[in-house]
Amino acid sequence: MKHLLFLLALFLVGCSSSQFATYRPAGSNETNWQIYVNKSAIGNNFTVTINDSLVIDKSANFFTGNLEERSKYKDKEIKLIVTYTPGFLGIGAGYEAMVFINNELAGKFKF
């Protein structure tokens, strides 16, 4: 039973996916922001983490797979837009997530 639970946990961790990008606000001298976007394996939950701070944690719509969520980080507006593409007969199906900072595209991710 222990081995089955371990394998299930390992499978679920393996199914989640994380990608990252770097961003520096215009006119800023501070270090680049590390932007991580994570898609969970269960529930199609998306998280956006900037410099180890959780900024957005939201699930995509159950029926459409789409999501639009806003938040703030260091007085900048953060927006996550997720769209689901069903593909043709399931081929090419997946999610595209875009992160905008003050309406400037900071990263585009495919899951």
Protein backbone atom coordinates (compact mmCIF):
# COMPACT_ATOMS: atom_id res chain seq x y z
CA MET A 1 0.00 0.00 0.00
CA LYS A 2 2.88 2.38 0.81
CA HIS A 3 4.39 1.75 -2.60
CA LEU A 4 1.11 2.45 -4.36
CA LEU A 5 0.68 5.79 -2.58
CA PHE A 6 4.28 6.72 -3.35
CA LEU A 7 3.82 5.90 -7.04
CA LEU A 8 0.57 7.87 -7.16
CA ALA A 9 2.23 10.88 -5.55
CA LEU A 10 5.17 10.62 -7.93
CA PHE A 11 2.79 10.45 -10.90
CA LEU A 12 0.86 13.55 -9.78
CA VAL A 13 4.05 15.53 -9.25
CA GLY A 14 5.29 14.43 -12.64
CA CYS A 15 2.09 15.59 -14.34
CA SER A 16 2.35 19.15 -13.10
CA SER A 17 4.37 21.45 -15.29
CA SER A 18 6.31 24.60 -14.50
CA GLN A 19 7.96 27.12 -16.82
CA PHE A 20 9.73 30.40 -16.19
CA ALA A 21 10.77 33.67 -17.78
CA THR A 22 12.68 36.72 -16.62
CA TYR A 23 11.44 40.30 -16.75
CA ARG A 24 12.78 43.73 -15.81
CA PRO A 25 10.38 46.68 -15.56
CA ALA A 26 11.08 49.44 -18.07
CA GLY A 27 13.49 52.04 -16.73
CA SER A 28 14.39 49.90 -13.73
CA ASN A 29 17.88 49.09 -12.47
CA GLU A 30 16.76 46.30 -10.15
CA THR A 31 17.56 42.67 -10.86
CA ASN A 32 15.41 40.71 -13.28
CA TRP A 33 12.17 39.31 -11.92
CA GLN A 34 11.91 35.52 -12.01
CA ILE A 35 8.40 34.66 -13.22
CA TYR A 36 7.25 31.06 -12.79
CA VAL A 37 3.97 29.75 -14.21
CA ASN A 38 2.84 26.36 -12.97
CA LYS A 39 -0.04 24.20 -14.22
CA SER A 40 -1.19 21.49 -11.85
CA ALA A 41 -2.08 18.02 -13.06
CA ILE A 42 -5.49 17.98 -11.35
CA GLY A 43 -8.10 20.70 -11.76
CA ASN A 44 -6.15 22.76 -14.29
CA ASN A 45 -4.98 25.14 -11.60
CA PHE A 46 -2.50 27.82 -12.65
CA THR A 47 -0.15 29.71 -10.37
CA VAL A 48 2.09 32.68 -11.10
CA THR A 49 5.01 33.22 -8.76
CA ILE A 50 7.30 36.23 -9.05
CA ASN A 51 10.54 36.21 -7.06
CA ASP A 52 9.17 33.54 -4.68
CA SER A 53 5.94 35.49 -4.04
CA LEU A 54 2.70 33.78 -5.05
CA VAL A 55 0.84 36.37 -7.12
CA ILE A 56 -1.97 34.37 -8.78
CA ASP A 57 -3.48 31.00 -7.83
CA LYS A 58 -6.60 30.19 -9.83
CA SER A 59 -8.22 27.33 -11.77
CA ALA A 60 -9.22 27.57 -15.40
CA ASN A 61 -12.92 27.40 -16.25
CA PHE A 62 -14.09 23.79 -16.11
CA PHE A 63 -16.06 23.99 -19.36
CA THR A 64 -13.92 26.26 -21.56
CA GLY A 65 -10.47 25.79 -20.04
CA ASN A 66 -9.95 29.56 -20.19
CA LEU A 67 -8.88 31.91 -17.42
CA GLU A 68 -8.26 35.62 -16.94
CA GLU A 69 -7.03 36.80 -13.54
CA ARG A 70 -5.44 40.02 -12.26
CA SER A 71 -3.30 40.82 -9.26
CA LYS A 72 -0.63 43.26 -8.09
CA TYR A 73 3.09 42.87 -7.42
CA LYS A 74 5.28 45.82 -6.38
CA ASP A 75 2.56 48.26 -7.49
CA LYS A 76 2.47 46.74 -10.97
CA GLU A 77 -0.63 45.10 -12.43
CA ILE A 78 -0.09 41.41 -13.18
CA LYS A 79 -2.50 39.70 -15.56
CA LEU A 80 -2.66 36.01 -16.44
CA ILE A 81 -4.61 34.98 -19.54
CA VAL A 82 -4.97 31.25 -20.22
CA THR A 83 -6.61 29.84 -23.33
CA TYR A 84 -7.28 26.20 -24.10
CA THR A 85 -7.02 24.83 -27.62
CA PRO A 86 -8.68 21.44 -28.15
CA GLY A 87 -6.63 20.63 -31.25
CA PHE A 88 -7.81 18.25 -33.96
CA LEU A 89 -9.00 14.94 -32.52
CA GLY A 90 -6.95 15.76 -29.43
CA ILE A 91 -3.71 16.23 -31.38
CA GLY A 92 -2.15 19.56 -30.54
CA ALA A 93 -4.47 20.15 -27.60
CA GLY A 94 -3.10 22.26 -24.79
CA TYR A 95 -3.03 25.47 -22.85
CA GLU A 96 -1.34 28.75 -23.66
CA ALA A 97 -0.67 31.06 -20.73
CA MET A 98 0.40 34.68 -21.14
CA VAL A 99 1.61 36.88 -18.31
CA PHE A 100 1.32 40.64 -18.70
CA ILE A 101 2.91 43.23 -16.42
CA ASN A 102 1.33 46.67 -16.77
CA ASN A 103 -0.14 45.51 -20.12
CA GLU A 104 3.30 44.49 -21.45
CA LEU A 105 3.76 40.84 -22.41
CA ALA A 106 6.28 39.39 -19.97
CA GLY A 107 6.04 35.73 -20.96
CA LYS A 108 4.16 33.23 -23.10
CA PHE A 109 4.00 29.59 -22.00
CA LYS A 110 2.61 26.39 -23.56
CA PHE A 111 1.37 23.46 -21.49
